[in-house]
Amino acid sequence: MSSRSSLSLPALRPFPAPQAGLWLRQLLQLRRVWKTRRALAELDPRLLRDIGLTAEEARREISRAPWDPWPKTGRR
């Protein structure tokens, strides 16, 4: 057996089904967070009050990165 034929190609096999869908779900979640925060930026103060946010809280939410979907709270 030559050294060339003894090499296996496990890295070229496709991901198993659960792992293959994981990156797609994460990408879709990033897109959803980005679109939601973009829509939040366009709301007027009356609509912000309707959903229970102040203008300051909305600005803080809009400024966060899309890959940071959950707000940090002081509680653990």
PDB file of N, CA and C in Angstrom:
ATOM      1  N   MET A   1       0.843  -1.164   0.000  1.00  0.00           N
ATOM      2  CA  MET A   1       0.000   0.000   0.000  1.00  0.00           C
ATOM      3  C   MET A   1       0.893   1.233   0.000  1.00  0.00           C
ATOM      4  N   SER A   2       0.666   2.115  -0.907  1.00  0.00           N
ATOM      5  CA  SER A   2       1.487   3.318  -0.964  1.00  0.00           C
ATOM      6  C   SER A   2       0.980   4.336   0.053  1.00  0.00           C
ATOM      7  N   SER A   3       1.821   5.326   0.328  1.00  0.00           N
ATOM      8  CA  SER A   3       1.417   6.342   1.295  1.00  0.00           C
ATOM      9  C   SER A   3       0.246   7.170   0.765  1.00  0.00           C
ATOM     10  N   ARG A   4       0.166   7.318  -0.539  1.00  0.00           N
ATOM     11  CA  ARG A   4      -0.929   8.082  -1.118  1.00  0.00           C
ATOM     12  C   ARG A   4      -2.269   7.359  -0.923  1.00  0.00           C
ATOM     13  N   SER A   5      -2.295   6.061  -1.119  1.00  0.00           N
ATOM     14  CA  SER A   5      -3.537   5.314  -0.985  1.00  0.00           C
ATOM     15  C   SER A   5      -3.909   5.066   0.478  1.00  0.00           C
ATOM     16  N   SER A   6      -2.980   5.234   1.413  1.00  0.00           N
ATOM     17  CA  SER A   6      -3.289   4.986   2.814  1.00  0.00           C
ATOM     18  C   SER A   6      -3.946   6.191   3.480  1.00  0.00           C
ATOM     19  N   LEU A   7      -3.997   7.306   2.765  1.00  0.00           N
ATOM     20  CA  LEU A   7      -4.638   8.487   3.351  1.00  0.00           C
ATOM     21  C   LEU A   7      -6.154   8.352   3.256  1.00  0.00           C
ATOM     22  N   SER A   8      -6.803   8.616   4.342  1.00  0.00           N
ATOM     23  CA  SER A   8      -8.269   8.590   4.322  1.00  0.00           C
ATOM     24  C   SER A   8      -8.772  10.032   4.246  1.00  0.00           C
ATOM     25  N   LEU A   9     -10.002  10.197   3.865  1.00  0.00           N
ATOM     26  CA  LEU A   9     -10.563  11.526   3.703  1.00  0.00           C
ATOM     27  C   LEU A   9     -11.783  11.735   4.609  1.00  0.00           C
ATOM     28  N   PRO A  10     -11.626  11.571   5.905  1.00  0.00           N
ATOM     29  CA  PRO A  10     -12.796  11.753   6.770  1.00  0.00           C
ATOM     30  C   PRO A  10     -13.277  13.196   6.811  1.00  0.00           C
ATOM     31  N   ALA A  11     -12.409  14.150   6.583  1.00  0.00           N
ATOM     32  CA  ALA A  11     -12.799  15.556   6.647  1.00  0.00           C
ATOM     33  C   ALA A  11     -13.678  15.951   5.470  1.00  0.00           C
ATOM     34  N   LEU A  12     -13.677  15.180   4.406  1.00  0.00           N
ATOM     35  CA  LEU A  12     -14.466  15.529   3.234  1.00  0.00           C
ATOM     36  C   LEU A  12     -15.872  14.942   3.273  1.00  0.00           C
ATOM     37  N   ARG A  13     -16.167  14.129   4.258  1.00  0.00           N
ATOM     38  CA  ARG A  13     -17.511  13.577   4.366  1.00  0.00           C
ATOM     39  C   ARG A  13     -18.459  14.665   4.839  1.00  0.00           C
ATOM     40  N   PRO A  14     -19.709  14.623   4.423  1.00  0.00           N
ATOM     41  CA  PRO A  14     -20.666  15.636   4.873  1.00  0.00           C
ATOM     42  C   PRO A  14     -20.974  15.477   6.355  1.00  0.00           C
ATOM     43  N   PHE A  15     -21.401  16.578   6.977  1.00  0.00           N
ATOM     44  CA  PHE A  15     -21.787  16.533   8.380  1.00  0.00           C
ATOM     45  C   PHE A  15     -23.001  15.632   8.547  1.00  0.00           C
ATOM     46  N   PRO A  16     -23.140  15.022   9.704  1.00  0.00           N
ATOM     47  CA  PRO A  16     -24.388  14.307   9.977  1.00  0.00           C
ATOM     48  C   PRO A  16     -25.557  15.302   9.969  1.00  0.00           C
ATOM     49  N   ALA A  17     -26.749  14.836   9.742  1.00  0.00           N
ATOM     50  CA  ALA A  17     -27.920  15.703   9.588  1.00  0.00           C
ATOM     51  C   ALA A  17     -28.112  16.703  10.736  1.00  0.00           C
ATOM     52  N   PRO A  18     -28.005  16.327  12.013  1.00  0.00           N
ATOM     53  CA  PRO A  18     -28.232  17.323  13.072  1.00  0.00           C
ATOM     54  C   PRO A  18     -27.218  18.457  13.040  1.00  0.00           C
ATOM     55  N   GLN A  19     -25.961  18.182  12.747  1.00  0.00           N
ATOM     56  CA  GLN A  19     -24.950  19.232  12.721  1.00  0.00           C
ATOM     57  C   GLN A  19     -25.077  20.094  11.474  1.00  0.00           C
ATOM     58  N   ALA A  20     -25.495  19.519  10.375  1.00  0.00           N
ATOM     59  CA  ALA A  20     -25.617  20.278   9.138  1.00  0.00           C
ATOM     60  C   ALA A  20     -26.687  21.352   9.270  1.00  0.00           C
ATOM     61  N   GLY A  21     -27.767  21.074   9.974  1.00  0.00           N
ATOM     62  CA  GLY A  21     -28.839  22.043  10.134  1.00  0.00           C
ATOM     63  C   GLY A  21     -28.561  23.077  11.203  1.00  0.00           C
ATOM     64  N   LEU A  22     -27.617  22.802  12.089  1.00  0.00           N
ATOM     65  CA  LEU A  22     -27.331  23.717  13.189  1.00  0.00           C
ATOM     66  C   LEU A  22     -26.833  25.063  12.697  1.00  0.00           C
ATOM     67  N   TRP A  23     -25.872  25.075  11.788  1.00  0.00           N
ATOM     68  CA  TRP A  23     -25.345  26.363  11.307  1.00  0.00           C
ATOM     69  C   TRP A  23     -26.408  27.140  10.555  1.00  0.00           C
ATOM     70  N   LEU A  24     -27.302  26.443   9.870  1.00  0.00           N
ATOM     71  CA  LEU A  24     -28.372  27.121   9.148  1.00  0.00           C
ATOM     72  C   LEU A  24     -29.361  27.744  10.121  1.00  0.00           C
ATOM     73  N   ARG A  25     -29.718  27.020  11.184  1.00  0.00           N
ATOM     74  CA  ARG A  25     -30.627  27.573  12.195  1.00  0.00           C
ATOM     75  C   ARG A  25     -29.999  28.789  12.871  1.00  0.00           C
ATOM     76  N   GLN A  26     -28.708  28.730  13.155  1.00  0.00           N
ATOM     77  CA  GLN A  26     -28.040  29.860  13.791  1.00  0.00           C
ATOM     78  C   GLN A  26     -27.991  31.063  12.851  1.00  0.00           C
ATOM     79  N   LEU A  27     -27.738  30.812  11.588  1.00  0.00           N
ATOM     80  CA  LEU A  27     -27.719  31.895  10.608  1.00  0.00           C
ATOM     81  C   LEU A  27     -29.099  32.537  10.473  1.00  0.00           C
ATOM     82  N   LEU A  28     -30.134  31.727  10.465  1.00  0.00           N
ATOM     83  CA  LEU A  28     -31.501  32.258  10.384  1.00  0.00           C
ATOM     84  C   LEU A  28     -31.866  33.048  11.638  1.00  0.00           C
ATOM     85  N   GLN A  29     -31.377  32.607  12.795  1.00  0.00           N
ATOM     86  CA  GLN A  29     -31.628  33.345  14.023  1.00  0.00           C
ATOM     87  C   GLN A  29     -30.920  34.698  13.985  1.00  0.00           C
ATOM     88  N   LEU A  30     -29.690  34.737  13.493  1.00  0.00           N
ATOM     89  CA  LEU A  30     -28.977  36.009  13.361  1.00  0.00           C
ATOM     90  C   LEU A  30     -29.745  36.970  12.463  1.00  0.00           C
ATOM     91  N   ARG A  31     -30.264  36.447  11.364  1.00  0.00           N
ATOM     92  CA  ARG A  31     -31.020  37.289  10.431  1.00  0.00           C
ATOM     93  C   ARG A  31     -32.294  37.818  11.091  1.00  0.00           C
ATOM     94  N   ARG A  32     -32.974  36.952  11.854  1.00  0.00           N
ATOM     95  CA  ARG A  32     -34.205  37.363  12.528  1.00  0.00           C
ATOM     96  C   ARG A  32     -33.918  38.442  13.571  1.00  0.00           C
ATOM     97  N   VAL A  33     -32.851  38.283  14.342  1.00  0.00           N
ATOM     98  CA  VAL A  33     -32.476  39.282  15.347  1.00  0.00           C
ATOM     99  C   VAL A  33     -32.125  40.604  14.665  1.00  0.00           C
ATOM    100  N   TRP A  34     -31.373  40.540  13.570  1.00  0.00           N
ATOM    101  CA  TRP A  34     -30.974  41.753  12.855  1.00  0.00           C
ATOM    102  C   TRP A  34     -32.198  42.493  12.318  1.00  0.00           C
ATOM    103  N   LYS A  35     -33.137  41.762  11.708  1.00  0.00           N
ATOM    104  CA  LYS A  35     -34.338  42.388  11.153  1.00  0.00           C
ATOM    105  C   LYS A  35     -35.229  42.961  12.260  1.00  0.00           C
ATOM    106  N   THR A  36     -35.344  42.255  13.373  1.00  0.00           N
ATOM    107  CA  THR A  36     -36.173  42.726  14.476  1.00  0.00           C
ATOM    108  C   THR A  36     -35.608  43.996  15.081  1.00  0.00           C
ATOM    109  N   ARG A  37     -34.297  44.036  15.261  1.00  0.00           N
ATOM    110  CA  ARG A  37     -33.680  45.247  15.823  1.00  0.00           C
ATOM    111  C   ARG A  37     -33.768  46.412  14.851  1.00  0.00           C
ATOM    112  N   ARG A  38     -33.697  46.133  13.559  1.00  0.00           N
ATOM    113  CA  ARG A  38     -33.856  47.194  12.564  1.00  0.00           C
ATOM    114  C   ARG A  38     -35.269  47.769  12.617  1.00  0.00           C
ATOM    115  N   ALA A  39     -36.255  46.899  12.793  1.00  0.00           N
ATOM    116  CA  ALA A  39     -37.642  47.350  12.905  1.00  0.00           C
ATOM    117  C   ALA A  39     -37.855  48.123  14.203  1.00  0.00           C
ATOM    118  N   LEU A  40     -37.179  47.723  15.263  1.00  0.00           N
ATOM    119  CA  LEU A  40     -37.284  48.406  16.549  1.00  0.00           C
ATOM    120  C   LEU A  40     -36.793  49.846  16.439  1.00  0.00           C
ATOM    121  N   ALA A  41     -35.789  50.072  15.630  1.00  0.00           N
ATOM    122  CA  ALA A  41     -35.239  51.417  15.459  1.00  0.00           C
ATOM    123  C   ALA A  41     -36.246  52.364  14.805  1.00  0.00           C
ATOM    124  N   GLU A  42     -37.204  51.818  14.074  1.00  0.00           N
ATOM    125  CA  GLU A  42     -38.166  52.650  13.359  1.00  0.00           C
ATOM    126  C   GLU A  42     -39.437  52.934  14.149  1.00  0.00           C
ATOM    127  N   LEU A  43     -39.569  52.367  15.347  1.00  0.00           N
ATOM    128  CA  LEU A  43     -40.785  52.557  16.136  1.00  0.00           C
ATOM    129  C   LEU A  43     -40.801  53.920  16.817  1.00  0.00           C
ATOM    130  N   ASP A  44     -41.988  54.498  16.904  1.00  0.00           N
ATOM    131  CA  ASP A  44     -42.120  55.776  17.616  1.00  0.00           C
ATOM    132  C   ASP A  44     -42.320  55.502  19.114  1.00  0.00           C
ATOM    133  N   PRO A  45     -42.216  56.542  19.954  1.00  0.00           N
ATOM    134  CA  PRO A  45     -42.304  56.337  21.407  1.00  0.00           C
ATOM    135  C   PRO A  45     -43.608  55.680  21.862  1.00  0.00           C
ATOM    136  N   ARG A  46     -44.722  55.965  21.199  1.00  0.00           N
ATOM    137  CA  ARG A  46     -45.992  55.357  21.590  1.00  0.00           C
ATOM    138  C   ARG A  46     -45.950  53.841  21.403  1.00  0.00           C
ATOM    139  N   LEU A  47     -45.414  53.393  20.276  1.00  0.00           N
ATOM    140  CA  LEU A  47     -45.312  51.955  20.026  1.00  0.00           C
ATOM    141  C   LEU A  47     -44.300  51.289  20.955  1.00  0.00           C
ATOM    142  N   LEU A  48     -43.234  51.997  21.279  1.00  0.00           N
ATOM    143  CA  LEU A  48     -42.272  51.455  22.244  1.00  0.00           C
ATOM    144  C   LEU A  48     -42.933  51.253  23.601  1.00  0.00           C
ATOM    145  N   ARG A  49     -43.764  52.216  24.026  1.00  0.00           N
ATOM    146  CA  ARG A  49     -44.487  52.057  25.295  1.00  0.00           C
ATOM    147  C   ARG A  49     -45.432  50.862  25.241  1.00  0.00           C
ATOM    148  N   ASP A  50     -46.046  50.647  24.082  1.00  0.00           N
ATOM    149  CA  ASP A  50     -46.966  49.516  23.939  1.00  0.00           C
ATOM    150  C   ASP A  50     -46.275  48.167  24.162  1.00  0.00           C
ATOM    151  N   ILE A  51     -45.014  48.065  23.773  1.00  0.00           N
ATOM    152  CA  ILE A  51     -44.298  46.800  23.984  1.00  0.00           C
ATOM    153  C   ILE A  51     -43.470  46.807  25.264  1.00  0.00           C
ATOM    154  N   GLY A  52     -43.565  47.897  26.031  1.00  0.00           N
ATOM    155  CA  GLY A  52     -42.920  47.944  27.342  1.00  0.00           C
ATOM    156  C   GLY A  52     -41.468  48.355  27.325  1.00  0.00           C
ATOM    157  N   LEU A  53     -41.062  49.146  26.341  1.00  0.00           N
ATOM    158  CA  LEU A  53     -39.676  49.623  26.274  1.00  0.00           C
ATOM    159  C   LEU A  53     -39.632  51.135  26.331  1.00  0.00           C
ATOM    160  N   THR A  54     -38.572  51.642  26.927  1.00  0.00           N
ATOM    161  CA  THR A  54     -38.307  53.074  26.849  1.00  0.00           C
ATOM    162  C   THR A  54     -37.397  53.322  25.653  1.00  0.00           C
ATOM    163  N   ALA A  55     -37.246  54.573  25.277  1.00  0.00           N
ATOM    164  CA  ALA A  55     -36.375  54.907  24.153  1.00  0.00           C
ATOM    165  C   ALA A  55     -34.930  54.504  24.450  1.00  0.00           C
ATOM    166  N   GLU A  56     -34.507  54.672  25.697  1.00  0.00           N
ATOM    167  CA  GLU A  56     -33.141  54.296  26.087  1.00  0.00           C
ATOM    168  C   GLU A  56     -32.933  52.784  25.975  1.00  0.00           C
ATOM    169  N   GLU A  57     -33.892  52.010  26.434  1.00  0.00           N
ATOM    170  CA  GLU A  57     -33.782  50.552  26.329  1.00  0.00           C
ATOM    171  C   GLU A  57     -33.763  50.108  24.865  1.00  0.00           C
ATOM    172  N   ALA A  58     -34.549  50.766  24.041  1.00  0.00           N
ATOM    173  CA  ALA A  58     -34.562  50.430  22.610  1.00  0.00           C
ATOM    174  C   ALA A  58     -33.212  50.744  21.972  1.00  0.00           C
ATOM    175  N   ARG A  59     -32.641  51.902  22.304  1.00  0.00           N
ATOM    176  CA  ARG A  59     -31.313  52.247  21.751  1.00  0.00           C
ATOM    177  C   ARG A  59     -30.253  51.248  22.197  1.00  0.00           C
ATOM    178  N   ARG A  60     -30.332  50.837  23.451  1.00  0.00           N
ATOM    179  CA  ARG A  60     -29.358  49.859  23.965  1.00  0.00           C
ATOM    180  C   ARG A  60     -29.512  48.521  23.237  1.00  0.00           C
ATOM    181  N   GLU A  61     -30.744  48.114  22.994  1.00  0.00           N
ATOM    182  CA  GLU A  61     -30.996  46.864  22.279  1.00  0.00           C
ATOM    183  C   GLU A  61     -30.510  46.936  20.836  1.00  0.00           C
ATOM    184  N   ILE A  62     -30.750  48.054  20.182  1.00  0.00           N
ATOM    185  CA  ILE A  62     -30.351  48.230  18.784  1.00  0.00           C
ATOM    186  C   ILE A  62     -28.832  48.212  18.629  1.00  0.00           C
ATOM    187  N   SER A  63     -28.123  48.723  19.624  1.00  0.00           N
ATOM    188  CA  SER A  63     -26.664  48.822  19.519  1.00  0.00           C
ATOM    189  C   SER A  63     -25.950  47.492  19.754  1.00  0.00           C
ATOM    190  N   ARG A  64     -26.664  46.475  20.242  1.00  0.00           N
ATOM    191  CA  ARG A  64     -26.013  45.190  20.496  1.00  0.00           C
ATOM    192  C   ARG A  64     -25.757  44.432  19.204  1.00  0.00           C
ATOM    193  N   ALA A  65     -24.799  43.545  19.247  1.00  0.00           N
ATOM    194  CA  ALA A  65     -24.427  42.739  18.077  1.00  0.00           C
ATOM    195  C   ALA A  65     -25.508  41.694  17.778  1.00  0.00           C
ATOM    196  N   PRO A  66     -25.710  41.358  16.508  1.00  0.00           N
ATOM    197  CA  PRO A  66     -26.739  40.369  16.174  1.00  0.00           C
ATOM    198  C   PRO A  66     -26.464  38.984  16.739  1.00  0.00           C
ATOM    199  N   TRP A  67     -25.237  38.644  16.991  1.00  0.00           N
ATOM    200  CA  TRP A  67     -24.924  37.327  17.539  1.00  0.00           C
ATOM    201  C   TRP A  67     -25.066  37.308  19.069  1.00  0.00           C
ATOM    202  N   ASP A  68     -25.559  38.393  19.644  1.00  0.00           N
ATOM    203  CA  ASP A  68     -25.822  38.488  21.076  1.00  0.00           C
ATOM    204  C   ASP A  68     -27.331  38.659  21.267  1.00  0.00           C
ATOM    205  N   PRO A  69     -28.115  37.571  21.132  1.00  0.00           N
ATOM    206  CA  PRO A  69     -29.567  37.722  21.105  1.00  0.00           C
ATOM    207  C   PRO A  69     -30.226  37.968  22.457  1.00  0.00           C
ATOM    208  N   TRP A  70     -29.600  37.602  23.554  1.00  0.00           N
ATOM    209  CA  TRP A  70     -30.257  37.726  24.848  1.00  0.00           C
ATOM    210  C   TRP A  70     -29.642  38.854  25.656  1.00  0.00           C
ATOM    211  N   PRO A  71     -30.473  39.729  26.226  1.00  0.00           N
ATOM    212  CA  PRO A  71     -29.928  40.845  27.024  1.00  0.00           C
ATOM    213  C   PRO A  71     -29.269  40.336  28.296  1.00  0.00           C
ATOM    214  N   LYS A  72     -28.243  41.043  28.700  1.00  0.00           N
ATOM    215  CA  LYS A  72     -27.559  40.682  29.936  1.00  0.00           C
ATOM    216  C   LYS A  72     -28.312  41.349  31.081  1.00  0.00           C
ATOM    217  N   THR A  73     -28.629  40.574  32.087  1.00  0.00           N
ATOM    218  CA  THR A  73     -29.313  41.108  33.252  1.00  0.00           C
ATOM    219  C   THR A  73     -28.383  41.028  34.453  1.00  0.00           C
ATOM    220  N   GLY A  74     -28.719  41.747  35.487  1.00  0.00           N
ATOM    221  CA  GLY A  74     -27.917  41.720  36.705  1.00  0.00           C
ATOM    222  C   GLY A  74     -28.125  40.452  37.505  1.00  0.00           C
ATOM    223  N   ARG A  75     -29.172  39.694  37.142  1.00  0.00           N
ATOM    224  CA  ARG A  75     -29.469  38.465  37.880  1.00  0.00           C
ATOM    225  C   ARG A  75     -28.765  37.280  37.253  1.00  0.00           C
ATOM    226  N   ARG A  76     -28.495  36.273  38.066  1.00  0.00           N
ATOM    227  CA  ARG A  76     -27.909  35.035  37.574  1.00  0.00           C
ATOM    228  C   ARG A  76     -28.878  33.916  37.720  1.00  0.00           C
TER     229      ARG A  76
END
